[in-house]
Amino acid sequence: MTIKNYSLLDLAPVNEGSEPADAFRNAADLARHAEDWGFTRYWLAEHHNMPGIASAATSVVVGHVAGSTKTIRVGAGGIMLPNHSPLIIAEQFGTLESLYPGRIDLGLGRAPGSDMVTARALRRNLESNPDNFFQDLGELQAFFSPPEESQRVQAVPGSGLEIPIWILGSSMFGSQVAAALGLPFAFASHFAPDSMLGAIKTYRSHFKPSRNLAEPHVMVGVNFFAAETDLEAQRLFTSLQKQFTNLFRGSPGKLQPPVDSMEAYWNPSERVGVERALLHSVVGSPSTVSEKLEEFIELTGADELMLTGQIYEHNARLASFEIASQVCSKQIH
């Protein structure tokens, strides 16, 4: 089985001993390389109150990366729509599309991208009626459509730009929304594997063609860590394992250096939880990751892969994604 595209999700990691400014420089450098290596998209995600993730002001960082590249599509994977008014997002992404025409994607989710205390600081109101997401999404789509004569509020810029919208999900909800509206669907299997196959099946079986998309398009997230040997790749992977262990402990921090073994870092319960969350992780030498990615594509039937890798050393992260490009290019239909 083959894929149509391979893309890259960057959480703009802030490493231990560094600052967000370093993360932004690394993001621009990685994006330039990803463009040269044939990646289709370079997405950044909205997270708040996370010392190890610098992409909280997601639209700003999207602009930084788009301005540092020439052809690769750049976008949000995603914007957490309940945190914002649809008009604000329409204006922000309308601005980005006006600056970088034909290169901007907008992925939308409904999770807070943070803990509930932070969500309250963002939203002021934690009412969570799922219908609000449909209403806000419809309002956002209307702002991107050509304005009607009687329309009193317009997104300037934004009106008429028809920016591609993706629905993101880590449960069944996102798949149902994407299918009903005929939009492309991206599943966060890189940290929420449990509902992946069910969500993909639901999306494909209930998809309704729209003027945006004639056939279903599924993107799946996968953690990717490659190096010259399986042992070195596994060592790089421990930075992400430590990050998730700290999340489970309620103490998120900056991305930590890798270690030779996790045994002294986590307890058995934490290990089970982390390994379950990171089930869909491809880790190993070039030959190993090639085999594992092929199995993952066969399992999911995905049209597109969204690869992500929280690797501490920037040069090691570059090397890992270069291997990814070499492996994925062989899988292109």
C-alpha atoms as a PDB file:
ATOM      1  CA  MET A   1       0.000   0.000   0.000  1.00  0.00           C
ATOM      2  CA  THR A   2       1.198   3.527  -0.778  1.00  0.00           C
ATOM      3  CA  ILE A   3       0.587   7.066   0.436  1.00  0.00           C
ATOM      4  CA  LYS A   4      -0.053  10.291  -1.456  1.00  0.00           C
ATOM      5  CA  ASN A   5       1.921  12.707   0.724  1.00  0.00           C
ATOM      6  CA  TYR A   6       4.143  12.883   3.765  1.00  0.00           C
ATOM      7  CA  SER A   7       4.196  15.897   6.057  1.00  0.00           C
ATOM      8  CA  LEU A   8       5.788  17.143   9.274  1.00  0.00           C
ATOM      9  CA  LEU A   9       4.305  18.279  12.585  1.00  0.00           C
ATOM     10  CA  ASP A  10       6.616  20.459  14.668  1.00  0.00           C
ATOM     11  CA  LEU A  11       5.773  21.246  18.293  1.00  0.00           C
ATOM     12  CA  ALA A  12       8.620  23.794  18.361  1.00  0.00           C
ATOM     13  CA  PRO A  13      10.296  22.022  21.295  1.00  0.00           C
ATOM     14  CA  VAL A  14      12.054  24.129  23.906  1.00  0.00           C
ATOM     15  CA  ASN A  15      14.985  22.038  25.054  1.00  0.00           C
ATOM     16  CA  GLU A  16      16.392  22.022  28.549  1.00  0.00           C
ATOM     17  CA  GLY A  17      18.995  24.800  28.635  1.00  0.00           C
ATOM     18  CA  SER A  18      17.420  26.748  25.764  1.00  0.00           C
ATOM     19  CA  GLU A  19      14.678  29.351  25.251  1.00  0.00           C
ATOM     20  CA  PRO A  20      11.707  29.722  22.851  1.00  0.00           C
ATOM     21  CA  ALA A  21      13.833  31.919  20.571  1.00  0.00           C
ATOM     22  CA  ASP A  22      16.054  28.887  19.959  1.00  0.00           C
ATOM     23  CA  ALA A  23      12.989  26.780  19.165  1.00  0.00           C
ATOM     24  CA  PHE A  24      11.845  29.295  16.557  1.00  0.00           C
ATOM     25  CA  ARG A  25      15.263  29.360  14.881  1.00  0.00           C
ATOM     26  CA  ASN A  26      15.287  25.565  14.807  1.00  0.00           C
ATOM     27  CA  ALA A  27      11.759  25.481  13.363  1.00  0.00           C
ATOM     28  CA  ALA A  28      12.718  27.741  10.468  1.00  0.00           C
ATOM     29  CA  ASP A  29      15.831  25.672   9.771  1.00  0.00           C
ATOM     30  CA  LEU A  30      13.939  22.378   9.917  1.00  0.00           C
ATOM     31  CA  ALA A  31      11.217  23.764   7.634  1.00  0.00           C
ATOM     32  CA  ARG A  32      13.767  24.799   5.001  1.00  0.00           C
ATOM     33  CA  HIS A  33      15.218  21.300   5.059  1.00  0.00           C
ATOM     34  CA  ALA A  34      11.749  19.714   4.960  1.00  0.00           C
ATOM     35  CA  GLU A  35      10.978  21.776   1.872  1.00  0.00           C
ATOM     36  CA  ASP A  36      14.125  20.489   0.166  1.00  0.00           C
ATOM     37  CA  TRP A  37      13.333  16.915   1.235  1.00  0.00           C
ATOM     38  CA  GLY A  38       9.889  16.895  -0.395  1.00  0.00           C
ATOM     39  CA  PHE A  39       7.573  17.165   2.600  1.00  0.00           C
ATOM     40  CA  THR A  40       4.135  18.435   1.558  1.00  0.00           C
ATOM     41  CA  ARG A  41       3.199  20.357   4.716  1.00  0.00           C
ATOM     42  CA  TYR A  42       4.820  21.780   7.804  1.00  0.00           C
ATOM     43  CA  TRP A  43       2.321  22.158  10.625  1.00  0.00           C
ATOM     44  CA  LEU A  44       2.542  23.647  14.104  1.00  0.00           C
ATOM     45  CA  ALA A  45       0.207  22.980  17.017  1.00  0.00           C
ATOM     46  CA  GLU A  46      -1.526  25.131  19.592  1.00  0.00           C
ATOM     47  CA  HIS A  47      -0.508  24.255  23.160  1.00  0.00           C
ATOM     48  CA  HIS A  48      -0.586  26.547  26.172  1.00  0.00           C
ATOM     49  CA  ASN A  49       1.227  26.674  29.507  1.00  0.00           C
ATOM     50  CA  MET A  50       3.694  24.034  28.295  1.00  0.00           C
ATOM     51  CA  PRO A  51       7.323  25.014  29.051  1.00  0.00           C
ATOM     52  CA  GLY A  52       8.605  22.563  26.428  1.00  0.00           C
ATOM     53  CA  ILE A  53       6.411  23.767  23.529  1.00  0.00           C
ATOM     54  CA  ALA A  54       6.865  27.224  21.985  1.00  0.00           C
ATOM     55  CA  SER A  55       3.995  27.305  19.464  1.00  0.00           C
ATOM     56  CA  ALA A  56       1.253  28.771  21.685  1.00  0.00           C
ATOM     57  CA  ALA A  57       0.790  31.788  19.385  1.00  0.00           C
ATOM     58  CA  THR A  58       0.361  29.378  16.508  1.00  0.00           C
ATOM     59  CA  SER A  59      -0.561  31.772  13.711  1.00  0.00           C
ATOM     60  CA  VAL A  60       2.483  33.913  14.503  1.00  0.00           C
ATOM     61  CA  VAL A  61       4.824  30.925  14.288  1.00  0.00           C
ATOM     62  CA  VAL A  62       3.116  29.757  11.082  1.00  0.00           C
ATOM     63  CA  GLY A  63       3.961  33.160   9.599  1.00  0.00           C
ATOM     64  CA  HIS A  64       7.562  32.879  10.799  1.00  0.00           C
ATOM     65  CA  VAL A  65       7.978  29.475   9.131  1.00  0.00           C
ATOM     66  CA  ALA A  66       6.162  30.477   5.938  1.00  0.00           C
ATOM     67  CA  GLY A  67       8.404  33.524   5.660  1.00  0.00           C
ATOM     68  CA  SER A  68      11.465  31.318   6.047  1.00  0.00           C
ATOM     69  CA  THR A  69      10.439  28.977   3.199  1.00  0.00           C
ATOM     70  CA  LYS A  70       9.298  29.283  -0.401  1.00  0.00           C
ATOM     71  CA  THR A  71       7.040  26.447  -1.542  1.00  0.00           C
ATOM     72  CA  ILE A  72       6.085  24.067   1.287  1.00  0.00           C
ATOM     73  CA  ARG A  73       2.556  24.364   2.653  1.00  0.00           C
ATOM     74  CA  VAL A  74       2.547  25.707   6.211  1.00  0.00           C
ATOM     75  CA  GLY A  75      -0.300  25.530   8.647  1.00  0.00           C
ATOM     76  CA  ALA A  76      -1.810  24.764  12.007  1.00  0.00           C
ATOM     77  CA  GLY A  77      -2.272  21.239  13.207  1.00  0.00           C
ATOM     78  CA  GLY A  78      -4.092  22.650  14.815  1.00  0.00           C
ATOM     79  CA  ILE A  79      -5.893  25.672  16.083  1.00  0.00           C
ATOM     80  CA  MET A  80      -8.181  24.818  19.009  1.00  0.00           C
ATOM     81  CA  LEU A  81     -11.280  26.624  17.802  1.00  0.00           C
ATOM     82  CA  PRO A  82     -13.109  26.871  21.160  1.00  0.00           C
ATOM     83  CA  ASN A  83     -10.212  29.026  22.423  1.00  0.00           C
ATOM     84  CA  HIS A  84     -10.920  31.748  19.851  1.00  0.00           C
ATOM     85  CA  SER A  85     -13.693  33.589  18.097  1.00  0.00           C
ATOM     86  CA  PRO A  86     -14.125  32.480  14.464  1.00  0.00           C
ATOM     87  CA  LEU A  87     -13.580  36.070  13.304  1.00  0.00           C
ATOM     88  CA  ILE A  88     -10.149  36.252  14.960  1.00  0.00           C
ATOM     89  CA  ILE A  89      -9.029  33.007  13.291  1.00  0.00           C
ATOM     90  CA  ALA A  90     -10.437  34.134   9.933  1.00  0.00           C
ATOM     91  CA  GLU A  91      -8.495  37.400  10.151  1.00  0.00           C
ATOM     92  CA  GLN A  92      -5.272  35.708  11.266  1.00  0.00           C
ATOM     93  CA  PHE A  93      -5.316  33.027   8.594  1.00  0.00           C
ATOM     94  CA  GLY A  94      -6.667  35.429   6.021  1.00  0.00           C
ATOM     95  CA  THR A  95      -3.592  37.536   6.713  1.00  0.00           C
ATOM     96  CA  LEU A  96      -1.321  34.512   6.364  1.00  0.00           C
ATOM     97  CA  GLU A  97      -2.970  33.448   3.100  1.00  0.00           C
ATOM     98  CA  SER A  98      -2.651  36.999   1.751  1.00  0.00           C
ATOM     99  CA  LEU A  99       1.060  37.057   2.607  1.00  0.00           C
ATOM    100  CA  TYR A 100       1.779  33.511   1.404  1.00  0.00           C
ATOM    101  CA  PRO A 101      -0.928  32.718  -1.191  1.00  0.00           C
ATOM    102  CA  GLY A 102      -1.682  29.081  -1.888  1.00  0.00           C
ATOM    103  CA  ARG A 103       0.514  27.821   0.948  1.00  0.00           C
ATOM    104  CA  ILE A 104      -1.594  28.019   4.124  1.00  0.00           C
ATOM    105  CA  ASP A 105      -3.549  25.184   5.800  1.00  0.00           C
ATOM    106  CA  LEU A 106      -5.892  25.495   8.773  1.00  0.00           C
ATOM    107  CA  GLY A 107      -6.406  22.408  10.907  1.00  0.00           C
ATOM    108  CA  LEU A 108      -9.063  22.737  13.611  1.00  0.00           C
ATOM    109  CA  GLY A 109      -9.656  20.858  16.846  1.00  0.00           C
ATOM    110  CA  ARG A 110     -11.936  21.322  19.834  1.00  0.00           C
ATOM    111  CA  ALA A 111      -9.643  20.304  22.710  1.00  0.00           C
ATOM    112  CA  PRO A 112      -8.267  23.102  24.906  1.00  0.00           C
ATOM    113  CA  GLY A 113      -4.619  22.361  24.125  1.00  0.00           C
ATOM    114  CA  SER A 114      -3.924  22.812  27.824  1.00  0.00           C
ATOM    115  CA  ASP A 115      -5.140  21.997  31.311  1.00  0.00           C
ATOM    116  CA  MET A 116      -8.498  23.284  32.526  1.00  0.00           C
ATOM    117  CA  VAL A 117      -7.023  26.100  34.621  1.00  0.00           C
ATOM    118  CA  THR A 118      -5.180  27.400  31.570  1.00  0.00           C
ATOM    119  CA  ALA A 119      -8.257  26.861  29.413  1.00  0.00           C
ATOM    120  CA  ARG A 120     -10.223  29.094  31.771  1.00  0.00           C
ATOM    121  CA  ALA A 121      -7.537  31.783  31.467  1.00  0.00           C
ATOM    122  CA  LEU A 122      -7.827  31.518  27.675  1.00  0.00           C
ATOM    123  CA  ARG A 123     -11.590  31.272  27.306  1.00  0.00           C
ATOM    124  CA  ARG A 124     -13.048  32.774  30.495  1.00  0.00           C
ATOM    125  CA  ASN A 125     -15.954  30.370  29.962  1.00  0.00           C
ATOM    126  CA  LEU A 126     -15.656  26.567  29.938  1.00  0.00           C
ATOM    127  CA  GLU A 127     -19.078  25.705  28.536  1.00  0.00           C
ATOM    128  CA  SER A 128     -18.438  22.739  26.262  1.00  0.00           C
ATOM    129  CA  ASN A 129     -21.539  22.047  24.177  1.00  0.00           C
ATOM    130  CA  PRO A 130     -20.294  20.068  21.142  1.00  0.00           C
ATOM    131  CA  ASP A 131     -22.814  21.900  18.997  1.00  0.00           C
ATOM    132  CA  ASN A 132     -20.809  25.068  19.553  1.00  0.00           C
ATOM    133  CA  PHE A 133     -18.002  23.575  17.484  1.00  0.00           C
ATOM    134  CA  PHE A 134     -20.319  23.044  14.512  1.00  0.00           C
ATOM    135  CA  GLN A 135     -21.664  26.572  14.884  1.00  0.00           C
ATOM    136  CA  ASP A 136     -18.203  28.136  15.168  1.00  0.00           C
ATOM    137  CA  LEU A 137     -16.909  26.080  12.239  1.00  0.00           C
ATOM    138  CA  GLY A 138     -19.817  27.177  10.067  1.00  0.00           C
ATOM    139  CA  GLU A 139     -19.200  30.789  11.038  1.00  0.00           C
ATOM    140  CA  LEU A 140     -15.505  30.458  10.193  1.00  0.00           C
ATOM    141  CA  GLN A 141     -16.266  28.922   6.798  1.00  0.00           C
ATOM    142  CA  ALA A 142     -18.671  31.777   6.094  1.00  0.00           C
ATOM    143  CA  PHE A 143     -15.956  34.328   6.851  1.00  0.00           C
ATOM    144  CA  PHE A 144     -13.698  32.638   4.268  1.00  0.00           C
ATOM    145  CA  SER A 145     -16.449  32.592   1.632  1.00  0.00           C
ATOM    146  CA  PRO A 146     -17.180  35.514  -0.716  1.00  0.00           C
ATOM    147  CA  PRO A 147     -19.133  38.103   1.325  1.00  0.00           C
ATOM    148  CA  GLU A 148     -22.852  38.464   0.818  1.00  0.00           C
ATOM    149  CA  GLU A 149     -24.311  41.856   0.011  1.00  0.00           C
ATOM    150  CA  SER A 150     -26.109  42.158   3.347  1.00  0.00           C
ATOM    151  CA  GLN A 151     -23.196  40.823   5.444  1.00  0.00           C
ATOM    152  CA  ARG A 152     -22.363  43.375   8.151  1.00  0.00           C
ATOM    153  CA  VAL A 153     -19.199  41.704   9.537  1.00  0.00           C
ATOM    154  CA  GLN A 154     -16.416  40.569   7.238  1.00  0.00           C
ATOM    155  CA  ALA A 155     -12.969  39.118   7.851  1.00  0.00           C
ATOM    156  CA  VAL A 156     -10.505  41.577   6.321  1.00  0.00           C
ATOM    157  CA  PRO A 157      -8.358  39.932   5.131  1.00  0.00           C
ATOM    158  CA  GLY A 158     -10.066  36.560   4.883  1.00  0.00           C
ATOM    159  CA  SER A 159     -13.265  37.025   2.902  1.00  0.00           C
ATOM    160  CA  GLY A 160     -13.267  34.980  -0.294  1.00  0.00           C
ATOM    161  CA  LEU A 161      -9.902  33.315   0.287  1.00  0.00           C
ATOM    162  CA  GLU A 162     -11.280  29.766   0.678  1.00  0.00           C
ATOM    163  CA  ILE A 163      -8.410  28.596   2.904  1.00  0.00           C
ATOM    164  CA  PRO A 164      -8.279  24.761   3.138  1.00  0.00           C
ATOM    165  CA  ILE A 165      -9.760  23.564   6.429  1.00  0.00           C
ATOM    166  CA  TRP A 166      -8.889  20.226   8.011  1.00  0.00           C
ATOM    167  CA  ILE A 167     -10.674  18.624  10.951  1.00  0.00           C
ATOM    168  CA  LEU A 168      -8.375  17.190  13.598  1.00  0.00           C
ATOM    169  CA  GLY A 169      -9.411  14.506  16.039  1.00  0.00           C
ATOM    170  CA  SER A 170      -8.275  12.163  18.771  1.00  0.00           C
ATOM    171  CA  SER A 171     -11.699  10.514  19.162  1.00  0.00           C
ATOM    172  CA  MET A 172     -14.754   9.657  17.081  1.00  0.00           C
ATOM    173  CA  PHE A 173     -16.133  13.202  17.198  1.00  0.00           C
ATOM    174  CA  GLY A 174     -13.682  14.704  14.712  1.00  0.00           C
ATOM    175  CA  SER A 175     -14.211  11.898  12.210  1.00  0.00           C
ATOM    176  CA  GLN A 176     -17.971  12.457  12.279  1.00  0.00           C
ATOM    177  CA  VAL A 177     -17.605  16.210  11.744  1.00  0.00           C
ATOM    178  CA  ALA A 178     -15.133  15.797   8.887  1.00  0.00           C
ATOM    179  CA  ALA A 179     -17.289  13.163   7.186  1.00  0.00           C
ATOM    180  CA  ALA A 180     -20.502  15.176   7.482  1.00  0.00           C
ATOM    181  CA  LEU A 181     -18.909  18.334   6.082  1.00  0.00           C
ATOM    182  CA  GLY A 182     -16.787  16.689   3.394  1.00  0.00           C
ATOM    183  CA  LEU A 183     -13.489  17.919   4.807  1.00  0.00           C
ATOM    184  CA  PRO A 184     -10.084  16.199   5.083  1.00  0.00           C
ATOM    185  CA  PHE A 185      -9.497  14.445   8.406  1.00  0.00           C
ATOM    186  CA  ALA A 186      -6.299  14.186  10.475  1.00  0.00           C
ATOM    187  CA  PHE A 187      -6.169  11.764  13.415  1.00  0.00           C
ATOM    188  CA  ALA A 188      -3.782  12.308  16.331  1.00  0.00           C
ATOM    189  CA  SER A 189      -2.647   8.698  16.537  1.00  0.00           C
ATOM    190  CA  HIS A 190       0.805   9.836  17.661  1.00  0.00           C
ATOM    191  CA  PHE A 191      -0.575  10.350  21.185  1.00  0.00           C
ATOM    192  CA  ALA A 192      -4.150   8.961  21.139  1.00  0.00           C
ATOM    193  CA  PRO A 193      -4.056   5.552  19.425  1.00  0.00           C
ATOM    194  CA  ASP A 194      -7.131   3.895  20.893  1.00  0.00           C
ATOM    195  CA  SER A 195      -9.837   5.236  18.547  1.00  0.00           C
ATOM    196  CA  MET A 196      -7.689   5.494  15.426  1.00  0.00           C
ATOM    197  CA  LEU A 197      -9.043   2.614  13.338  1.00  0.00           C
ATOM    198  CA  GLY A 198     -12.646   3.231  14.390  1.00  0.00           C
ATOM    199  CA  ALA A 199     -12.386   6.931  13.552  1.00  0.00           C
ATOM    200  CA  ILE A 200     -10.868   6.231  10.136  1.00  0.00           C
ATOM    201  CA  LYS A 201     -13.580   3.672   9.345  1.00  0.00           C
ATOM    202  CA  THR A 202     -16.328   6.067  10.455  1.00  0.00           C
ATOM    203  CA  TYR A 203     -14.897   8.903   8.397  1.00  0.00           C
ATOM    204  CA  ARG A 204     -14.556   6.881   5.203  1.00  0.00           C
ATOM    205  CA  SER A 205     -17.922   5.148   5.487  1.00  0.00           C
ATOM    206  CA  HIS A 206     -19.898   8.326   6.266  1.00  0.00           C
ATOM    207  CA  PHE A 207     -18.017  10.783   4.065  1.00  0.00           C
ATOM    208  CA  LYS A 208     -20.217  13.146   2.060  1.00  0.00           C
ATOM    209  CA  PRO A 209     -18.522  14.738  -0.954  1.00  0.00           C
ATOM    210  CA  SER A 210     -18.449  18.527  -0.893  1.00  0.00           C
ATOM    211  CA  ARG A 211     -17.218  21.356  -3.063  1.00  0.00           C
ATOM    212  CA  ASN A 212     -14.070  21.217  -0.930  1.00  0.00           C
ATOM    213  CA  LEU A 213     -13.318  17.512  -1.344  1.00  0.00           C
ATOM    214  CA  ALA A 214     -14.710  14.859  -3.699  1.00  0.00           C
ATOM    215  CA  GLU A 215     -13.266  11.832  -1.888  1.00  0.00           C
ATOM    216  CA  PRO A 216     -12.197  11.200   1.723  1.00  0.00           C
ATOM    217  CA  HIS A 217      -8.616  12.091   2.642  1.00  0.00           C
ATOM    218  CA  VAL A 218      -7.121  10.639   5.821  1.00  0.00           C
ATOM    219  CA  MET A 219      -3.945  11.874   7.483  1.00  0.00           C
ATOM    220  CA  VAL A 220      -2.549   9.973  10.467  1.00  0.00           C
ATOM    221  CA  GLY A 221       0.047  11.112  12.968  1.00  0.00           C
ATOM    222  CA  VAL A 222       3.030   8.969  13.858  1.00  0.00           C
ATOM    223  CA  ASN A 223       6.044   9.561  16.074  1.00  0.00           C
ATOM    224  CA  PHE A 224       9.191   9.077  14.024  1.00  0.00           C
ATOM    225  CA  PHE A 225      12.708   8.575  15.415  1.00  0.00           C
ATOM    226  CA  ALA A 226      15.421   7.365  13.054  1.00  0.00           C
ATOM    227  CA  ALA A 227      19.188   7.102  13.374  1.00  0.00           C
ATOM    228  CA  GLU A 228      22.015   4.978  12.009  1.00  0.00           C
ATOM    229  CA  THR A 229      21.239   2.139  14.427  1.00  0.00           C
ATOM    230  CA  ASP A 230      18.180   0.860  16.258  1.00  0.00           C
ATOM    231  CA  LEU A 231      19.936   1.475  19.570  1.00  0.00           C
ATOM    232  CA  GLU A 232      20.680   5.135  18.837  1.00  0.00           C
ATOM    233  CA  ALA A 233      17.142   5.750  17.582  1.00  0.00           C
ATOM    234  CA  GLN A 234      15.723   4.201  20.745  1.00  0.00           C
ATOM    235  CA  ARG A 235      17.968   6.493  22.770  1.00  0.00           C
ATOM    236  CA  LEU A 236      16.622   9.558  20.922  1.00  0.00           C
ATOM    237  CA  PHE A 237      13.092   8.330  21.630  1.00  0.00           C
ATOM    238  CA  THR A 238      13.643   8.551  25.385  1.00  0.00           C
ATOM    239  CA  SER A 239      13.306  12.355  25.276  1.00  0.00           C
ATOM    240  CA  LEU A 240       9.668  11.929  24.205  1.00  0.00           C
ATOM    241  CA  GLN A 241       9.131   9.130  26.711  1.00  0.00           C
ATOM    242  CA  LYS A 242      10.422  11.395  29.484  1.00  0.00           C
ATOM    243  CA  GLN A 243       8.194  14.228  28.284  1.00  0.00           C
ATOM    244  CA  PHE A 244       5.079  12.032  28.468  1.00  0.00           C
ATOM    245  CA  THR A 245       6.106  10.619  31.834  1.00  0.00           C
ATOM    246  CA  ASN A 246       6.325  14.170  33.151  1.00  0.00           C
ATOM    247  CA  LEU A 247       2.894  14.968  31.679  1.00  0.00           C
ATOM    248  CA  PHE A 248       1.412  11.988  33.512  1.00  0.00           C
ATOM    249  CA  ARG A 249       3.013  13.294  36.693  1.00  0.00           C
ATOM    250  CA  GLY A 250       1.437  16.700  36.158  1.00  0.00           C
ATOM    251  CA  SER A 251       4.816  18.373  35.849  1.00  0.00           C
ATOM    252  CA  PRO A 252       5.435  19.299  32.199  1.00  0.00           C
ATOM    253  CA  GLY A 253       8.795  20.866  31.515  1.00  0.00           C
ATOM    254  CA  LYS A 254      11.316  21.526  28.793  1.00  0.00           C
ATOM    255  CA  LEU A 255      12.392  18.701  26.506  1.00  0.00           C
ATOM    256  CA  GLN A 256      15.122  16.754  28.264  1.00  0.00           C
ATOM    257  CA  PRO A 257      18.241  15.076  26.881  1.00  0.00           C
ATOM    258  CA  PRO A 258      17.967  11.402  25.925  1.00  0.00           C
ATOM    259  CA  VAL A 259      19.180   8.632  28.214  1.00  0.00           C
ATOM    260  CA  ASP A 260      20.493   5.145  27.594  1.00  0.00           C
ATOM    261  CA  SER A 261      17.687   3.551  29.616  1.00  0.00           C
ATOM    262  CA  MET A 262      14.309   4.676  31.002  1.00  0.00           C
ATOM    263  CA  GLU A 263      14.245   2.104  33.772  1.00  0.00           C
ATOM    264  CA  ALA A 264      15.473   4.510  36.441  1.00  0.00           C
ATOM    265  CA  TYR A 265      13.190   7.311  35.245  1.00  0.00           C
ATOM    266  CA  TRP A 266       9.674   5.850  35.250  1.00  0.00           C
ATOM    267  CA  ASN A 267       7.829   3.382  37.436  1.00  0.00           C
ATOM    268  CA  PRO A 268       5.979   0.351  36.000  1.00  0.00           C
ATOM    269  CA  SER A 269       2.597   2.115  35.961  1.00  0.00           C
ATOM    270  CA  GLU A 270       4.027   5.152  34.181  1.00  0.00           C
ATOM    271  CA  ARG A 271       5.734   2.914  31.656  1.00  0.00           C
ATOM    272  CA  VAL A 272       2.469   1.188  30.769  1.00  0.00           C
ATOM    273  CA  GLY A 273       0.705   4.534  30.334  1.00  0.00           C
ATOM    274  CA  VAL A 274       3.437   6.096  28.217  1.00  0.00           C
ATOM    275  CA  GLU A 275       3.876   3.047  25.998  1.00  0.00           C
ATOM    276  CA  ARG A 276       0.121   2.928  25.421  1.00  0.00           C
ATOM    277  CA  ALA A 277      -0.041   6.619  24.475  1.00  0.00           C
ATOM    278  CA  LEU A 278       2.986   6.312  22.185  1.00  0.00           C
ATOM    279  CA  LEU A 279       1.910   3.013  20.631  1.00  0.00           C
ATOM    280  CA  HIS A 280       2.165   4.383  17.105  1.00  0.00           C
ATOM    281  CA  SER A 281       5.843   5.275  17.151  1.00  0.00           C
ATOM    282  CA  VAL A 282       8.284   4.262  14.457  1.00  0.00           C
ATOM    283  CA  VAL A 283      11.765   3.984  15.964  1.00  0.00           C
ATOM    284  CA  GLY A 284      14.923   2.505  14.492  1.00  0.00           C
ATOM    285  CA  SER A 285      17.542   2.392  11.778  1.00  0.00           C
ATOM    286  CA  PRO A 286      16.608   3.229   8.160  1.00  0.00           C
ATOM    287  CA  SER A 287      15.759  -0.386   7.359  1.00  0.00           C
ATOM    288  CA  THR A 288      13.747  -0.796  10.566  1.00  0.00           C
ATOM    289  CA  VAL A 289      11.674   2.382  10.155  1.00  0.00           C
ATOM    290  CA  SER A 290      11.036   1.549   6.508  1.00  0.00           C
ATOM    291  CA  GLU A 291       9.503  -1.773   7.496  1.00  0.00           C
ATOM    292  CA  LYS A 292       7.510  -0.277  10.390  1.00  0.00           C
ATOM    293  CA  LEU A 293       6.147   2.603   8.315  1.00  0.00           C
ATOM    294  CA  GLU A 294       5.017   0.199   5.607  1.00  0.00           C
ATOM    295  CA  GLU A 295       3.157  -1.809   8.262  1.00  0.00           C
ATOM    296  CA  PHE A 296       1.556   1.361   9.638  1.00  0.00           C
ATOM    297  CA  ILE A 297       0.382   2.494   6.206  1.00  0.00           C
ATOM    298  CA  GLU A 298      -1.055  -0.977   5.596  1.00  0.00           C
ATOM    299  CA  LEU A 299      -2.829  -0.896   8.967  1.00  0.00           C
ATOM    300  CA  THR A 300      -4.406   2.533   8.510  1.00  0.00           C
ATOM    301  CA  GLY A 301      -4.873   2.841   4.754  1.00  0.00           C
ATOM    302  CA  ALA A 302      -3.807   6.456   5.232  1.00  0.00           C
ATOM    303  CA  ASP A 303      -3.576   8.852   2.325  1.00  0.00           C
ATOM    304  CA  GLU A 304      -1.000  10.981   4.110  1.00  0.00           C
ATOM    305  CA  LEU A 305       1.412  10.632   7.016  1.00  0.00           C
ATOM    306  CA  MET A 306       2.066  13.427   9.498  1.00  0.00           C
ATOM    307  CA  LEU A 307       5.426  12.670  11.088  1.00  0.00           C
ATOM    308  CA  THR A 308       6.537  14.225  14.344  1.00  0.00           C
ATOM    309  CA  GLY A 309       9.633  13.762  16.479  1.00  0.00           C
ATOM    310  CA  GLN A 310      10.530  15.452  19.763  1.00  0.00           C
ATOM    311  CA  ILE A 311      14.293  14.990  19.422  1.00  0.00           C
ATOM    312  CA  TYR A 312      16.582  16.890  21.767  1.00  0.00           C
ATOM    313  CA  GLU A 313      19.572  17.512  19.496  1.00  0.00           C
ATOM    314  CA  HIS A 314      18.634  19.651  16.483  1.00  0.00           C
ATOM    315  CA  ASN A 315      21.137  17.943  14.169  1.00  0.00           C
ATOM    316  CA  ALA A 316      19.792  14.535  15.200  1.00  0.00           C
ATOM    317  CA  ARG A 317      16.265  15.762  14.460  1.00  0.00           C
ATOM    318  CA  LEU A 318      17.372  16.915  11.015  1.00  0.00           C
ATOM    319  CA  ALA A 319      19.003  13.561  10.341  1.00  0.00           C
ATOM    320  CA  SER A 320      15.881  11.693  11.475  1.00  0.00           C
ATOM    321  CA  PHE A 321      13.549  13.638   9.194  1.00  0.00           C
ATOM    322  CA  GLU A 322      15.950  13.269   6.277  1.00  0.00           C
ATOM    323  CA  ILE A 323      15.716   9.513   6.736  1.00  0.00           C
ATOM    324  CA  ALA A 324      11.932   9.914   6.911  1.00  0.00           C
ATOM    325  CA  SER A 325      11.888  11.667   3.557  1.00  0.00           C
ATOM    326  CA  GLN A 326      13.956   8.915   1.970  1.00  0.00           C
ATOM    327  CA  VAL A 327      11.710   6.194   3.367  1.00  0.00           C
ATOM    328  CA  CYS A 328       8.396   7.960   2.618  1.00  0.00           C
ATOM    329  CA  SER A 329       9.342   8.944  -0.927  1.00  0.00           C
ATOM    330  CA  LYS A 330       9.475   5.221  -1.741  1.00  0.00           C
ATOM    331  CA  GLN A 331       5.878   4.848  -0.530  1.00  0.00           C
ATOM    332  CA  ILE A 332       4.396   7.627  -2.692  1.00  0.00           C
ATOM    333  CA  HIS A 333       1.666   6.493  -5.084  1.00  0.00           C
END
